[in-house]
Amino acid sequence: MIRTIKIYIYASLLVLGTYFQLKRVQKSVNQLTKEEIFIQPRSVSKKVMKRTGSMVMVNGQEKLPKGPVLFVANHQGLFDILTLLGHLGKPVGFIAKKEIQKLPIIASWMELVHCVFIDRTDRRQSVKAIHQGIKNLKSGHSMVIFPEGTRSRGSSLNPFKPGSFQLALKANVPIVPVAIDGTYQMFEERNGRISPSWVTLTIEDAIFPEEYNGKNSSEIAEQVQSVIKRRLQIDGADDRMTSSGDQQVSTT
């Protein structure tokens, strides 16, 4: 538990340390590129992941399309967001629960990278949030969704809810399935104690609008879930340690 507390303190100090950079970015946000704004969120995420002692293997970054995309990922644990922010290879915003807006500094950075906050208990507000996500995509900002709706807290996969796939349908952008494996072993499997894990982040082939046009949200959700499910079943621990090819192992 002491180790976990130290990591929380370390992460908090890192976030506090970005305060003055945050103010500079907010003042000149219109003159900065997405990549320049994303430097601090990516850096902090990588540093926290490194401090946990975890290793992150990234597969398939060369598959990333140019321009905005909708990333669709499974949601194993608390550290999924840091894994994606630090290692996905593209500036992204998230559909995030409204409670995060209460976190000082973090909420401000999330607004800068075009995250959308959603109140799942308020249907009207949820629809409004989806519309804002569509607007972000149309404006050139990639988004990440977790269509399971909540953390699986293990290697299983909960059913994908189709509603959030409207972001891709309405914005007419590629859908990129992303399989995350191993993050639940960092926190959820340890009953809230942070432990190191071997994490794999696999970027699958993009599904372009011309491939999904004519399908409804439920059909697309089923297709993407099938891609991620197949990847999670293939990637056992031995495969992660010995496989070769288009991979990048990162500890920073």
Protein backbone atom coordinates (compact mmCIF):
# COMPACT_ATOMS: atom_id res chain seq x y z
CA MET A 1 0.00 0.00 0.00
CA ILE A 2 2.89 2.38 0.73
CA ARG A 3 4.11 1.92 -2.85
CA THR A 4 0.65 2.77 -4.17
CA ILE A 5 0.48 5.93 -2.06
CA LYS A 6 3.92 6.99 -3.33
CA ILE A 7 2.78 6.57 -6.94
CA TYR A 8 -0.35 8.65 -6.28
CA ILE A 9 1.80 11.38 -4.73
CA TYR A 10 4.24 11.23 -7.63
CA ALA A 11 1.40 11.54 -10.16
CA SER A 12 -0.13 14.45 -8.26
CA LEU A 13 3.18 16.30 -8.17
CA LEU A 14 3.65 15.74 -11.90
CA VAL A 15 0.23 17.22 -12.60
CA LEU A 16 0.90 20.19 -10.32
CA GLY A 17 4.18 20.72 -12.12
CA THR A 18 2.32 21.34 -15.38
CA TYR A 19 0.40 24.32 -13.99
CA PHE A 20 2.51 27.09 -15.52
CA GLN A 21 2.76 25.25 -18.83
CA LEU A 22 -1.03 24.90 -18.74
CA LYS A 23 -1.42 28.65 -18.39
CA ARG A 24 0.98 29.27 -21.28
CA VAL A 25 -0.89 26.83 -23.49
CA GLN A 26 -4.26 28.35 -22.60
CA LYS A 27 -2.99 31.81 -23.57
CA SER A 28 -1.64 30.70 -26.95
CA VAL A 29 -3.93 27.75 -27.72
CA ASN A 30 -4.99 29.17 -31.10
CA GLN A 31 -1.37 29.35 -32.27
CA LEU A 32 -0.45 25.79 -31.24
CA THR A 33 -0.89 22.53 -33.12
CA LYS A 34 -2.70 19.53 -31.63
CA GLU A 35 0.67 17.82 -31.21
CA GLU A 36 2.14 20.77 -29.29
CA ILE A 37 -0.82 20.93 -26.92
CA PHE A 38 -0.61 17.18 -26.36
CA ILE A 39 3.04 17.17 -25.26
CA GLN A 40 2.34 17.51 -21.52
CA PRO A 41 -0.55 15.01 -21.27
CA ARG A 42 1.55 12.44 -23.16
CA SER A 43 4.65 13.09 -21.06
CA VAL A 44 2.87 12.87 -17.69
CA SER A 45 1.08 9.68 -18.73
CA LYS A 46 4.33 8.00 -19.80
CA LYS A 47 6.10 8.99 -16.58
CA VAL A 48 3.34 7.64 -14.36
CA MET A 49 3.23 4.36 -16.28
CA LYS A 50 7.00 4.07 -15.94
CA ARG A 51 6.83 4.72 -12.19
CA THR A 52 4.43 1.78 -11.77
CA GLY A 53 7.15 -0.47 -13.19
CA SER A 54 4.94 -1.56 -16.08
CA MET A 55 6.12 -2.31 -19.61
CA VAL A 56 4.00 -1.21 -22.55
CA MET A 57 4.25 -2.95 -25.92
CA VAL A 58 2.65 -1.11 -28.84
CA ASN A 59 1.70 -2.97 -32.00
CA GLY A 60 0.43 -1.51 -35.26
CA GLN A 61 1.19 2.21 -35.04
CA GLU A 62 1.99 2.17 -38.74
CA LYS A 63 -1.71 1.42 -39.35
CA LEU A 64 -2.84 4.79 -38.01
CA PRO A 65 -4.68 6.76 -40.73
CA LYS A 66 -3.96 10.42 -41.25
CA GLY A 67 -6.57 12.84 -40.02
CA PRO A 68 -9.18 12.40 -37.29
CA VAL A 69 -10.34 8.92 -36.33
CA LEU A 70 -12.62 7.35 -33.76
CA PHE A 71 -10.59 4.95 -31.61
CA VAL A 72 -12.68 2.19 -30.07
CA ALA A 73 -11.01 0.39 -27.16
CA ASN A 74 -11.90 -2.21 -24.58
CA HIS A 75 -11.77 -1.01 -20.99
CA GLN A 76 -9.93 -3.31 -18.60
CA GLY A 77 -8.86 -0.92 -15.91
CA LEU A 78 -8.01 2.45 -14.44
CA PHE A 79 -4.72 2.68 -16.34
CA ASP A 80 -6.25 2.33 -19.82
CA ILE A 81 -6.46 6.10 -20.25
CA LEU A 82 -2.81 6.69 -19.30
CA THR A 83 -1.77 3.86 -21.63
CA LEU A 84 -3.62 5.45 -24.54
CA LEU A 85 -2.51 9.01 -23.78
CA GLY A 86 1.11 8.01 -23.48
CA HIS A 87 1.51 5.37 -26.15
CA LEU A 88 -1.19 5.51 -28.82
CA GLY A 89 0.88 7.79 -31.04
CA LYS A 90 -1.81 10.35 -31.89
CA PRO A 91 -3.36 13.26 -29.93
CA VAL A 92 -6.77 12.17 -28.66
CA GLY A 93 -9.68 13.31 -26.56
CA PHE A 94 -12.00 11.06 -24.56
CA ILE A 95 -15.66 10.74 -23.76
CA ALA A 96 -15.20 11.04 -20.00
CA LYS A 97 -17.55 10.95 -17.03
CA LYS A 98 -18.53 14.36 -15.69
CA GLU A 99 -16.95 13.73 -12.26
CA ILE A 100 -13.50 14.29 -13.79
CA GLN A 101 -14.42 17.94 -14.33
CA LYS A 102 -13.95 18.41 -10.59
CA LEU A 103 -10.23 17.58 -10.79
CA PRO A 104 -8.16 20.78 -10.94
CA ILE A 105 -5.54 21.07 -13.69
CA ILE A 106 -6.44 17.63 -15.09
CA ALA A 107 -9.87 18.86 -16.24
CA SER A 108 -8.28 21.91 -17.89
CA TRP A 109 -5.82 19.75 -19.85
CA MET A 110 -8.67 17.47 -20.88
CA GLU A 111 -10.60 20.43 -22.24
CA LEU A 112 -7.55 21.51 -24.23
CA VAL A 113 -7.30 18.11 -25.93
CA HIS A 114 -11.03 18.23 -26.68
CA CYS A 115 -12.36 15.68 -24.23
CA VAL A 116 -16.12 15.60 -23.81
CA PHE A 117 -17.68 15.19 -20.36
CA ILE A 118 -20.85 13.15 -20.12
CA ASP A 119 -23.53 12.62 -17.47
CA ARG A 120 -24.83 9.11 -18.14
CA THR A 121 -27.77 9.67 -15.79
CA ASP A 122 -29.08 12.54 -17.91
CA ARG A 123 -30.18 11.35 -21.35
CA ARG A 124 -30.51 14.85 -22.79
CA GLN A 125 -27.00 15.78 -21.62
CA SER A 126 -25.63 12.49 -22.97
CA VAL A 127 -27.06 13.27 -26.41
CA LYS A 128 -25.53 16.74 -26.21
CA ALA A 129 -22.14 15.22 -25.37
CA ILE A 130 -22.32 12.87 -28.36
CA HIS A 131 -23.08 15.84 -30.61
CA GLN A 132 -20.05 17.67 -29.21
CA GLY A 133 -17.90 14.61 -29.91
CA ILE A 134 -19.14 14.56 -33.50
CA LYS A 135 -18.29 18.24 -33.82
CA ASN A 136 -14.77 17.57 -32.47
CA LEU A 137 -14.19 14.82 -35.02
CA LYS A 138 -15.43 17.00 -37.86
CA SER A 139 -13.02 19.71 -36.66
CA GLY A 140 -10.07 17.33 -36.97
CA HIS A 141 -9.70 16.02 -33.40
CA SER A 142 -9.48 12.25 -32.86
CA MET A 143 -11.60 10.76 -30.09
CA VAL A 144 -11.50 7.58 -27.97
CA ILE A 145 -14.57 5.72 -26.77
CA PHE A 146 -14.95 2.75 -24.41
CA PRO A 147 -18.21 1.22 -25.65
CA GLU A 148 -18.35 -1.30 -22.80
CA GLY A 149 -19.43 1.67 -20.69
CA THR A 150 -17.47 0.57 -17.63
CA ARG A 151 -14.27 -1.26 -16.71
CA SER A 152 -14.34 -5.03 -17.18
CA ARG A 153 -11.73 -5.33 -14.39
CA GLY A 154 -10.31 -8.42 -16.08
CA SER A 155 -9.54 -10.11 -19.35
CA SER A 156 -13.21 -10.56 -20.26
CA LEU A 157 -15.08 -8.30 -22.65
CA ASN A 158 -18.46 -6.76 -21.84
CA PRO A 159 -20.99 -6.18 -24.65
CA PHE A 160 -20.33 -3.05 -26.70
CA LYS A 161 -23.09 -0.47 -26.48
CA PRO A 162 -23.89 0.82 -29.99
CA GLY A 163 -24.89 4.41 -29.16
CA SER A 164 -21.39 5.90 -29.12
CA PHE A 165 -20.67 4.60 -32.63
CA GLN A 166 -22.88 7.43 -33.85
CA LEU A 167 -19.75 9.58 -33.52
CA ALA A 168 -18.17 7.82 -36.49
CA LEU A 169 -21.39 7.52 -38.49
CA LYS A 170 -22.23 11.20 -38.19
CA ALA A 171 -18.66 12.51 -38.54
CA ASN A 172 -17.82 10.10 -41.38
CA VAL A 173 -14.36 9.21 -40.02
CA PRO A 174 -12.40 5.93 -39.87
CA ILE A 175 -12.97 3.63 -36.90
CA VAL A 176 -9.79 2.17 -35.39
CA PRO A 177 -10.25 -0.80 -33.02
CA VAL A 178 -7.70 -0.87 -30.18
CA ALA A 179 -7.13 -3.90 -27.95
CA ILE A 180 -5.71 -3.23 -24.48
CA ASP A 181 -4.48 -6.14 -22.42
CA GLY A 182 -2.82 -6.24 -19.00
CA THR A 183 -3.93 -2.96 -17.40
CA TYR A 184 -6.35 -4.70 -15.02
CA GLN A 185 -3.34 -6.45 -13.46
CA MET A 186 -1.95 -3.04 -12.47
CA PHE A 187 -4.81 -2.11 -10.14
CA GLU A 188 -8.11 -3.98 -10.28
CA GLU A 189 -6.64 -7.46 -9.83
CA ARG A 190 -4.66 -6.21 -6.81
CA ASN A 191 -7.68 -4.80 -4.94
CA GLY A 192 -6.61 -1.20 -5.46
CA ARG A 193 -2.89 -1.69 -4.95
CA ILE A 194 -0.78 -0.58 -7.91
CA SER A 195 1.52 -3.29 -9.27
CA PRO A 196 3.66 -3.59 -12.41
CA SER A 197 2.28 -5.42 -15.41
CA TRP A 198 3.13 -6.24 -19.01
CA VAL A 199 0.64 -4.23 -21.07
CA THR A 200 -0.02 -4.66 -24.78
CA LEU A 201 -1.68 -1.97 -26.87
CA THR A 202 -2.64 -3.31 -30.30
CA ILE A 203 -3.89 -1.01 -33.04
CA GLU A 204 -6.00 -2.95 -35.54
CA ASP A 205 -6.74 -2.13 -39.17
CA ALA A 206 -8.94 0.92 -39.62
CA ILE A 207 -12.51 0.47 -40.79
CA PHE A 208 -13.14 3.28 -43.27
CA PRO A 209 -16.51 4.95 -43.92
CA GLU A 210 -16.91 3.25 -47.29
CA GLU A 211 -16.65 -0.09 -45.45
CA TYR A 212 -19.24 0.62 -42.75
CA ASN A 213 -21.67 2.86 -44.65
CA GLY A 214 -25.01 1.08 -44.89
CA LYS A 215 -24.58 -0.61 -41.51
CA ASN A 216 -26.32 0.53 -38.36
CA SER A 217 -24.67 1.23 -35.00
CA SER A 218 -25.41 -2.23 -33.62
CA GLU A 219 -23.84 -3.97 -36.61
CA ILE A 220 -20.72 -1.81 -36.40
CA ALA A 221 -20.45 -2.37 -32.64
CA GLU A 222 -20.64 -6.11 -33.16
CA GLN A 223 -17.98 -5.99 -35.89
CA VAL A 224 -15.53 -3.95 -33.80
CA GLN A 225 -16.11 -6.05 -30.70
CA SER A 226 -15.35 -9.17 -32.73
CA VAL A 227 -12.00 -7.70 -33.85
CA ILE A 228 -10.96 -6.79 -30.30
CA LYS A 229 -12.22 -10.07 -28.83
CA ARG A 230 -10.20 -12.05 -31.36
CA ARG A 231 -7.05 -10.08 -30.49
CA LEU A 232 -7.47 -10.56 -26.75
CA GLN A 233 -7.89 -14.31 -27.18
CA ILE A 234 -4.74 -14.53 -29.35
CA ASP A 235 -2.48 -12.46 -27.14
CA GLY A 236 -1.48 -14.76 -24.30
CA ALA A 237 1.40 -13.94 -21.99
CA ASP A 238 3.88 -16.10 -23.89
CA ASP A 239 2.93 -14.46 -27.20
CA ARG A 240 3.53 -10.99 -25.75
CA MET A 241 7.00 -11.90 -24.57
CA THR A 242 8.23 -13.69 -27.68
CA SER A 243 6.38 -12.28 -30.69
CA SER A 244 8.23 -10.12 -33.20
CA GLY A 245 7.43 -7.77 -36.05
CA ASP A 246 5.80 -4.36 -35.98
CA GLN A 247 6.15 -3.75 -32.25
CA GLN A 248 7.46 -1.07 -29.97
CA VAL A 249 8.29 -1.69 -26.34
CA SER A 250 8.26 1.38 -24.15
CA THR A 251 9.01 2.05 -20.51
CA THR A 252 9.01 5.84 -20.68
